[in-house]
C-alpha cells in the first residue's frame, strides 16, 4: 500500500490550486484524473505546474510530483486505486454524481482484494450534507457483496473550501497553460471524525470535530457576503470585487446583512459574536486585495444556483427566520441577484429569460423553492417590485 500517493478527481482550479499544493507540501505524489485530455497530457509531460500566490508581492511556486489519468481510462484508475488508501475530488457540485460509477468500481475491487484496508474519500465540494448524499448514491449502486466493506472501511470526509482562486488572464494562460492564481490563504477545515482509521498527515488540513459550523460559516458568511458584494458591485458598474468592498454604501449594506446572519448563527449554534466577527473581518481584508484581481463576473456567476433553496442567499434568509430574525437586508441582496444580467454567463441569461417570460412568482417558486404563502416569498417579491426605488436609496 502506497500511503504517499493520492488519486484526485478534478484537475481544475481547486484541484491544482488548493489540493495539489497541500499534497505536494506534505510529500504526496498526486495523480490527477480529469475530463480535459490536454490538461492530463501536459501534466504527464511536464510533471509540474505553476501556482502563483497573489498578494502585494506574488510568490511563484512549482507544484511537482504530479501525473495524470484521463477520466475514460478506467483500468489505469483502478490499478492506481489498488495501491492507495486516499482519494479526493473537486469536480463541481453538478458533476459529483458522474463520479459514482468509478467510485463504485474502486470500492468493489477494494472489497475483494484488500477487504481489511481502509479507504478514505475526501469530498472537495461545498455541498450540503455531502457525506450523507454521497453515501446514499454509492450504496445504491454497489454490489451487495461490497456493502459491508463500504459501510465499515470507507470514510466519506467533508471539507470546507475557502481559498479564493480568480480567473487567469488569457495572455498568461497562453504562456503557462496549467497556471493557477490563488490567494495565499490555504487552511482547509476537514472532518476528523469522518475518517476511517488514522487520518492522513497533510499540511494545512485543519482537523475539526464539528464540520457543520465551518460549513455554515463558509456558506452564509463567506459565500453570502462575497456574492452580495458582487451583485451590488455589478449594479454600480464595477468590474472587480475589491471596488465594491471599498464602496462605503455597499460595505455598510453588506454589514447589515452580515449582522442578520451573525445573530442567527449565534442563536442556533452558540458561536460567540467575537469569533464570527473575526472571521468576517478577515474576509473583508481578503476580499479587498486588489492584487488578486477577483472579478464581479467570476464571483457573481451562476445566479440560479446561488438563489437555490438551500444556497447562500435563500438559505441564509431561512436560517434567520428559523431564529426569529427578520432577513430584511438579505432579501434586498436576493433581489440584487435577480437583477444580475451578465451576457457572458449562461445562467444569468436563463434567469433573465425566466423572469421576462414567467415572472417573479415562478422564479421564486421554481428556482428558490419558496411557497407563495410564506413571509420570505412575499418579502423578496415586494423588494423585487419596488427595486428601482430601493436601489436609488440603498446603493
Protein backbone atom coordinates (compact mmCIF):
# COMPACT_ATOMS: atom_id res chain seq x y z
CA UNK A 1 0.00 0.00 0.00
CA UNK A 2 1.50 3.31 -1.10
CA UNK A 3 0.47 5.78 1.60
CA UNK A 4 2.21 8.71 -0.11
CA UNK A 5 0.21 8.63 -3.33
CA UNK A 6 -3.26 10.08 -3.74
CA UNK A 7 -5.82 9.96 -6.55
CA UNK A 8 -7.57 13.29 -7.06
CA UNK A 9 -10.52 13.65 -9.44
CA UNK A 10 -10.69 17.14 -10.93
CA UNK A 11 -7.58 18.93 -12.21
CA UNK A 12 -9.27 22.32 -12.29
CA UNK A 13 -8.65 25.41 -10.18
CA UNK A 14 -9.48 23.82 -6.82
CA UNK A 15 -7.70 20.57 -7.63
CA UNK A 16 -4.48 22.14 -8.86
CA UNK A 17 -4.79 25.40 -6.93
CA UNK A 18 -5.62 24.05 -3.48
CA UNK A 19 -5.43 20.28 -3.01
CA UNK A 20 -2.39 19.94 -5.26
CA UNK A 21 -0.36 22.39 -3.19
CA UNK A 22 -1.27 20.81 0.16
CA UNK A 23 -0.48 17.31 -1.09
CA UNK A 24 2.82 18.37 -2.65
CA UNK A 25 3.93 20.16 0.50
CA UNK A 26 3.02 17.03 2.50
CA UNK A 27 5.19 14.74 0.37
CA UNK A 28 2.44 13.10 -1.69
CA UNK A 29 2.50 12.16 -5.34
CA UNK A 30 -0.82 13.38 -6.76
CA UNK A 31 -2.40 11.56 -9.68
CA UNK A 32 -5.00 13.89 -11.18
CA UNK A 33 -7.97 12.48 -13.09
CA UNK A 34 -9.82 14.81 -15.43
CA UNK A 35 -12.18 15.00 -18.41
CA UNK A 36 -9.96 17.53 -20.20
CA UNK A 37 -7.40 15.48 -22.09
CA UNK A 38 -4.89 18.26 -22.79
CA UNK A 39 -4.53 19.03 -19.07
CA UNK A 40 -3.62 15.40 -18.40
CA UNK A 41 -1.23 15.33 -21.36
CA UNK A 42 0.64 18.40 -20.10
CA UNK A 43 0.76 17.05 -16.52
CA UNK A 44 2.30 13.81 -17.78
CA UNK A 45 4.82 15.64 -19.98
CA UNK A 46 5.89 18.40 -17.57
CA UNK A 47 5.27 16.57 -14.26
CA UNK A 48 4.77 20.00 -12.68
CA UNK A 49 2.69 23.17 -12.99
CA UNK A 50 2.99 26.79 -11.78
CA UNK A 51 0.95 28.16 -8.88
CA UNK A 52 1.21 31.88 -8.22
CA UNK A 53 0.14 33.06 -4.79
CA UNK A 54 -1.07 36.58 -5.48
CA UNK A 55 -0.71 39.27 -2.84
CA UNK A 56 1.13 42.59 -2.65
CA UNK A 57 4.13 40.53 -3.71
CA UNK A 58 3.39 37.46 -5.81
CA UNK A 59 5.04 34.20 -4.77
CA UNK A 60 5.66 31.92 -7.73
CA UNK A 61 5.96 28.24 -6.89
CA UNK A 62 6.04 25.00 -8.88
CA UNK A 63 3.87 22.10 -7.81
CA UNK A 64 5.78 18.92 -8.61
CA UNK A 65 5.39 15.19 -8.02
CA UNK A 66 2.23 15.06 -10.16
CA UNK A 67 0.89 12.98 -13.02
CA UNK A 68 -2.46 12.44 -14.67
CA UNK A 69 -5.00 9.93 -15.96
CA UNK A 70 -7.89 10.63 -18.33
CA UNK A 71 -11.35 10.01 -16.93
CA UNK A 72 -12.14 7.32 -19.50
CA UNK A 73 -9.00 5.29 -18.64
CA UNK A 74 -10.82 3.16 -16.09
CA UNK A 75 -8.27 0.36 -15.90
CA UNK A 76 -5.48 2.81 -15.11
CA UNK A 77 -7.61 4.42 -12.41
CA UNK A 78 -8.41 1.04 -10.86
CA UNK A 79 -4.77 -0.05 -10.92
CA UNK A 80 -3.71 3.12 -9.09
CA UNK A 81 -6.60 2.78 -6.62
CA UNK A 82 -5.37 -0.72 -5.67
CA UNK A 83 -2.21 0.69 -4.11
CA UNK A 84 -3.55 3.71 -2.22
CA UNK A 85 -5.83 4.42 0.72
CA UNK A 86 -6.75 8.03 -0.06
CA UNK A 87 -8.90 9.53 -2.82
CA UNK A 88 -10.21 13.07 -3.12
CA UNK A 89 -12.24 15.01 -5.63
CA UNK A 90 -13.19 18.56 -6.61
CA UNK A 91 -15.21 18.31 -9.80
CA UNK A 92 -18.01 20.81 -9.14
CA UNK A 93 -21.22 20.00 -7.30
CA UNK A 94 -23.15 19.31 -10.51
CA UNK A 95 -20.59 16.70 -11.63
CA UNK A 96 -20.30 14.66 -8.44
CA UNK A 97 -22.96 12.13 -9.45
CA UNK A 98 -20.96 11.36 -12.59
CA UNK A 99 -18.13 10.01 -10.42
CA UNK A 100 -20.32 7.36 -8.78
CA UNK A 101 -19.76 4.60 -11.40
CA UNK A 102 -15.97 4.97 -10.98
CA UNK A 103 -16.07 5.13 -7.17
CA UNK A 104 -18.35 2.06 -7.20
CA UNK A 105 -15.76 0.09 -9.20
CA UNK A 106 -12.92 1.24 -6.94
CA UNK A 107 -14.80 0.23 -3.77
CA UNK A 108 -15.89 -3.14 -5.19
CA UNK A 109 -12.32 -4.01 -6.20
CA UNK A 110 -11.02 -2.91 -2.80
CA UNK A 111 -13.62 -5.04 -1.05
CA UNK A 112 -12.30 -8.12 -2.88
CA UNK A 113 -8.55 -7.50 -2.96
CA UNK A 114 -7.98 -5.51 0.27
CA UNK A 115 -11.01 -6.28 2.47
CA UNK A 116 -9.21 -5.22 5.66
CA UNK A 117 -7.76 -1.96 4.30
CA UNK A 118 -9.35 1.42 4.93
CA UNK A 119 -10.16 3.77 2.08
CA UNK A 120 -10.93 7.44 2.71
CA UNK A 121 -12.58 9.65 0.11
CA UNK A 122 -12.16 13.39 0.75
CA UNK A 123 -15.05 15.44 -0.62
CA UNK A 124 -13.74 18.72 -2.00
CA UNK A 125 -17.11 20.33 -2.64
CA UNK A 126 -19.06 22.95 -0.71
CA UNK A 127 -22.10 20.71 -0.81
CA UNK A 128 -24.78 20.47 1.86
CA UNK A 129 -24.80 17.12 3.71
CA UNK A 130 -22.13 15.96 1.28
CA UNK A 131 -21.17 12.72 3.06
CA UNK A 132 -24.81 11.68 3.56
CA UNK A 133 -25.70 12.32 -0.08
CA UNK A 134 -22.60 10.57 -1.38
CA UNK A 135 -23.16 7.60 0.92
CA UNK A 136 -26.67 7.12 -0.45
CA UNK A 137 -25.59 7.41 -4.09
CA UNK A 138 -22.72 4.93 -3.67
CA UNK A 139 -24.70 2.44 -1.57
CA UNK A 140 -27.48 2.35 -4.16
CA UNK A 141 -25.01 1.41 -6.89
CA UNK A 142 -22.84 -1.18 -5.10
CA UNK A 143 -22.96 -4.93 -5.50
CA UNK A 144 -24.37 -6.48 -2.31
CA UNK A 145 -21.01 -8.17 -1.59
CA UNK A 146 -19.29 -4.79 -1.24
CA UNK A 147 -21.82 -3.13 1.09
CA UNK A 148 -20.24 -4.33 4.34
CA UNK A 149 -16.80 -3.18 3.23
CA UNK A 150 -18.22 0.20 2.21
CA UNK A 151 -20.03 0.75 5.49
CA UNK A 152 -17.16 -0.35 7.72
CA UNK A 153 -13.97 0.54 5.88
CA UNK A 154 -14.71 3.53 3.63
CA UNK A 155 -14.69 7.06 5.06
CA UNK A 156 -16.54 9.88 3.29
CA UNK A 157 -14.86 13.00 4.60
CA UNK A 158 -16.29 16.52 4.34
CA UNK A 159 -14.15 19.64 3.93
CA UNK A 160 -14.72 23.38 3.73
CA UNK A 161 -13.03 25.17 0.83
CA UNK A 162 -12.34 28.85 1.41
CA UNK A 163 -9.38 29.68 -0.83
CA UNK A 164 -10.21 32.29 -3.47
CA UNK A 165 -8.96 31.44 -6.96
CA UNK A 166 -9.52 34.14 -9.60
CA UNK A 167 -9.71 33.68 -13.35
CA UNK A 168 -6.33 33.52 -15.10
CA UNK A 169 -5.91 36.22 -17.78
CA UNK A 170 -5.81 34.70 -21.28
CA UNK A 171 -2.35 36.05 -22.12
CA UNK A 172 -0.92 34.38 -19.00
CA UNK A 173 -2.70 31.11 -19.80
CA UNK A 174 -1.15 31.10 -23.29
CA UNK A 175 2.29 31.37 -21.73
CA UNK A 176 1.62 28.85 -18.93
CA UNK A 177 -1.31 26.55 -19.91
CA UNK A 178 -1.68 24.98 -16.44
CA UNK A 179 -1.02 28.04 -14.31
CA UNK A 180 -3.32 28.71 -11.34
CA UNK A 181 -3.57 32.01 -9.47
CA UNK A 182 -4.67 31.87 -5.84
CA UNK A 183 -4.64 33.89 -2.67
CA UNK A 184 -2.01 32.80 -0.09
CA UNK A 185 -4.69 31.62 2.40
CA UNK A 186 -4.57 27.81 2.48
CA UNK A 187 -6.26 26.44 5.60
CA UNK A 188 -8.77 23.64 4.89
CA UNK A 189 -11.12 22.51 7.68
CA UNK A 190 -11.56 18.71 7.44
CA UNK A 191 -13.92 16.50 9.47
CA UNK A 192 -11.63 14.33 11.60
CA UNK A 193 -14.46 12.06 12.81
CA UNK A 194 -15.44 11.08 9.26
CA UNK A 195 -12.15 9.29 8.55
CA UNK A 196 -11.89 5.53 8.89
CA UNK A 197 -8.65 4.56 10.56
CA UNK A 198 -5.90 7.10 11.18
CA UNK A 199 -6.32 10.48 9.39
CA UNK A 200 -3.50 11.33 6.95
CA UNK A 201 -0.82 13.85 7.83
CA UNK A 202 -1.44 16.66 5.37
CA UNK A 203 -0.16 20.18 5.98
CA UNK A 204 -2.84 22.84 6.44
CA UNK A 205 -5.62 20.31 6.92
CA UNK A 206 -7.41 21.78 9.95
CA UNK A 207 -8.90 18.68 11.60
CA UNK A 208 -12.16 19.61 13.32
CA UNK A 209 -14.72 17.58 15.27
CA UNK A 210 -17.81 19.54 14.18
CA UNK A 211 -17.56 20.37 10.49
CA UNK A 212 -21.14 21.71 10.34
CA UNK A 213 -20.35 25.05 11.95
CA UNK A 214 -17.47 25.58 9.50
CA UNK A 215 -19.81 24.73 6.61
CA UNK A 216 -22.41 27.19 7.90
CA UNK A 217 -19.82 29.94 8.30
CA UNK A 218 -18.45 29.29 4.81
CA UNK A 219 -21.85 29.27 3.11
CA UNK A 220 -23.65 32.04 4.96
CA UNK A 221 -20.82 34.38 5.96
CA UNK A 222 -18.12 33.87 3.33
CA UNK A 223 -20.18 32.86 0.28
CA UNK A 224 -23.15 35.13 1.01
CA UNK A 225 -21.16 38.29 1.65
CA UNK A 226 -18.86 37.60 -1.32
CA UNK A 227 -21.90 37.27 -3.59
CA UNK A 228 -23.55 40.32 -2.01
CA UNK A 229 -20.51 42.48 -2.84
CA UNK A 230 -20.52 41.09 -6.39
CA UNK A 231 -24.22 41.71 -7.13
CA UNK A 232 -24.24 45.19 -5.59
CA UNK A 233 -20.96 45.95 -7.35
CA UNK A 234 -22.42 44.85 -10.67
CA UNK A 235 -25.35 47.24 -10.24
CA UNK A 236 -22.89 50.09 -9.69
CA UNK A 237 -20.82 49.20 -12.74
CA UNK A 238 -17.73 47.82 -11.01
CA UNK A 239 -15.51 45.17 -12.59
CA UNK A 240 -13.65 43.92 -9.51
CA UNK A 241 -14.85 42.76 -6.11
CA UNK A 242 -12.33 44.99 -4.33
CA UNK A 243 -14.04 48.05 -5.84
CA UNK A 244 -17.34 47.03 -4.23
CA UNK A 245 -15.64 46.39 -0.87
CA UNK A 246 -14.17 49.90 -0.93
CA UNK A 247 -17.59 51.45 -1.71
CA UNK A 248 -18.83 52.61 1.71
CA UNK A 249 -22.54 52.37 0.86
CA UNK A 250 -22.18 48.78 -0.35
CA UNK A 251 -19.90 47.84 2.54
CA UNK A 252 -22.39 49.21 5.10
CA UNK A 253 -25.27 47.41 3.43
CA UNK A 254 -23.39 44.09 3.34
CA UNK A 255 -22.57 44.61 7.01
CA UNK A 256 -26.29 44.95 7.82
CA UNK A 257 -26.99 41.64 6.06
CA UNK A 258 -24.00 40.05 7.78
CA UNK A 259 -25.35 41.22 11.15
CA UNK A 260 -28.65 39.43 10.47
CA UNK A 261 -26.71 36.25 9.67
CA UNK A 262 -24.41 36.62 12.69
CA UNK A 263 -27.38 36.85 15.04
CA UNK A 264 -28.89 33.70 13.52
CA UNK A 265 -25.64 31.72 13.75
CA UNK A 266 -25.10 32.81 17.33
CA UNK A 267 -28.68 31.89 18.22
CA UNK A 268 -28.63 28.44 16.59
CA UNK A 269 -25.06 27.28 17.14
CA UNK A 270 -23.96 29.27 20.18
CA UNK A 271 -20.86 30.55 18.39
CA UNK A 272 -19.60 33.70 20.07
CA UNK A 273 -20.11 37.00 18.26
CA UNK A 274 -16.43 37.85 18.59
CA UNK A 275 -15.42 34.68 16.75
CA UNK A 276 -17.88 35.36 13.93
CA UNK A 277 -16.73 38.99 13.71
CA UNK A 278 -13.08 37.94 13.49
CA UNK A 279 -13.94 35.55 10.67
CA UNK A 280 -15.80 38.29 8.77
CA UNK A 281 -13.10 40.92 9.37
CA UNK A 282 -10.51 38.56 7.89
CA UNK A 283 -12.77 38.01 4.86
CA UNK A 284 -13.07 41.76 4.25
CA UNK A 285 -9.28 42.03 4.16
CA UNK A 286 -9.08 39.13 1.70
CA UNK A 287 -11.94 40.43 -0.49
CA UNK A 288 -10.30 43.85 -0.72
CA UNK A 289 -6.98 42.63 -2.16
CA UNK A 290 -6.52 44.44 -5.48
CA UNK A 291 -3.62 42.20 -6.49
CA UNK A 292 -5.90 39.15 -6.59
CA UNK A 293 -7.90 40.74 -9.41
CA UNK A 294 -11.05 38.81 -8.50
CA UNK A 295 -13.85 39.88 -10.83
CA UNK A 296 -17.54 40.55 -10.30
CA UNK A 297 -18.23 38.19 -13.21
CA UNK A 298 -16.44 35.27 -11.50
CA UNK A 299 -17.97 35.75 -8.06
CA UNK A 300 -21.45 36.55 -9.37
CA UNK A 301 -21.66 33.74 -11.92
CA UNK A 302 -24.41 31.09 -11.80
CA UNK A 303 -27.09 33.21 -10.05
CA UNK A 304 -29.72 30.47 -10.43
CA UNK A 305 -27.61 28.11 -8.32
CA UNK A 306 -26.94 30.86 -5.80
CA UNK A 307 -30.67 31.53 -5.46
CA UNK A 308 -31.34 27.84 -4.69
CA UNK A 309 -33.46 26.98 -1.68
CA UNK A 310 -30.51 25.84 0.46
CA UNK A 311 -27.78 28.03 -1.01
CA UNK A 312 -26.11 31.17 0.33
CA UNK A 313 -28.91 33.73 -0.15
CA UNK A 314 -32.22 31.96 0.42
CA UNK A 315 -30.56 29.57 2.87
CA UNK A 316 -29.27 32.49 4.94
CA UNK A 317 -32.71 34.12 4.94
CA UNK A 318 -34.32 30.86 6.06
CA UNK A 319 -31.80 30.43 8.87
CA UNK A 320 -32.66 33.93 10.10
CA UNK A 321 -36.39 33.27 10.01
CA UNK A 322 -35.93 30.00 11.89
CA UNK A 323 -34.26 32.03 14.65
CA UNK A 324 -36.97 34.75 14.58
CA UNK A 325 -34.65 37.27 12.94
CA UNK A 326 -36.03 39.32 10.04
CA UNK A 327 -33.76 38.88 6.94
CA UNK A 328 -34.59 42.33 5.61
CA UNK A 329 -31.23 43.18 4.06
CA UNK A 330 -30.55 39.62 2.92
CA UNK A 331 -33.74 39.82 0.86
CA UNK A 332 -32.52 43.04 -0.74
CA UNK A 333 -29.41 41.19 -1.92
CA UNK A 334 -31.62 38.36 -3.22
CA UNK A 335 -33.22 40.96 -5.47
CA UNK A 336 -29.80 42.32 -6.49
CA UNK A 337 -29.03 38.77 -7.61
CA UNK A 338 -32.32 38.61 -9.53
CA UNK A 339 -31.19 41.71 -11.45
CA UNK A 340 -27.76 40.31 -12.31
CA UNK A 341 -27.57 40.40 -16.11
CA UNK A 342 -24.14 39.30 -17.30
CA UNK A 343 -24.05 38.49 -21.07
CA UNK A 344 -21.14 36.04 -20.69
CA UNK A 345 -22.95 33.96 -18.03
CA UNK A 346 -25.48 31.45 -19.44
CA UNK A 347 -27.24 31.10 -16.06
CA UNK A 348 -27.63 34.85 -15.81
CA UNK A 349 -29.26 34.91 -19.24
CA UNK A 350 -31.50 31.96 -18.37
CA UNK A 351 -32.62 33.76 -15.19
CA UNK A 352 -33.38 36.87 -17.24
CA UNK A 353 -35.45 34.73 -19.65
CA UNK A 354 -37.41 33.12 -16.81
CA UNK A 355 -38.20 36.47 -15.21
CA UNK A 356 -39.22 38.09 -18.50
CA UNK A 357 -41.37 35.19 -19.67
CA UNK A 358 -42.74 33.61 -16.49
CA UNK A 359 -42.44 36.32 -13.84
CA UNK A 360 -41.16 36.66 -10.32
CA UNK A 361 -43.71 34.28 -8.76
CA UNK A 362 -42.49 31.45 -11.00
CA UNK A 363 -38.81 32.13 -10.28
CA UNK A 364 -39.25 32.29 -6.50
CA UNK A 365 -41.23 29.04 -6.56
CA UNK A 366 -39.20 27.03 -9.09
CA UNK A 367 -35.67 28.40 -8.57
CA UNK A 368 -35.75 29.23 -4.86
CA UNK A 369 -38.32 26.66 -3.73
CA UNK A 370 -40.41 29.25 -1.87
CA UNK A 371 -44.12 28.87 -1.30
CA UNK A 372 -46.32 31.91 -2.09
CA UNK A 373 -47.90 31.75 1.35
CA UNK A 374 -44.60 32.36 3.18
CA UNK A 375 -43.31 35.67 4.51
CA UNK A 376 -39.97 35.11 2.76
CA UNK A 377 -41.61 34.73 -0.66
CA UNK A 378 -43.61 37.92 -0.15
CA UNK A 379 -40.71 39.92 1.29
CA UNK A 380 -38.48 39.12 -1.70
CA UNK A 381 -41.33 39.75 -4.16
CA UNK A 382 -42.13 43.12 -2.63
CA UNK A 383 -38.49 44.22 -2.81
CA UNK A 384 -38.31 42.99 -6.40
CA UNK A 385 -41.40 45.04 -7.30
CA UNK A 386 -40.00 48.16 -5.61
CA UNK A 387 -36.40 47.53 -6.58
CA UNK A 388 -35.54 50.59 -8.63
CA UNK A 389 -36.77 52.89 -5.88
CA UNK A 390 -34.87 50.84 -3.25
CA UNK A 391 -31.72 50.73 -5.35
CA UNK A 392 -31.55 54.50 -5.60
CA UNK A 393 -31.97 54.82 -1.85
CA UNK A 394 -29.69 51.98 -0.72
CA UNK A 395 -26.90 51.89 -3.29
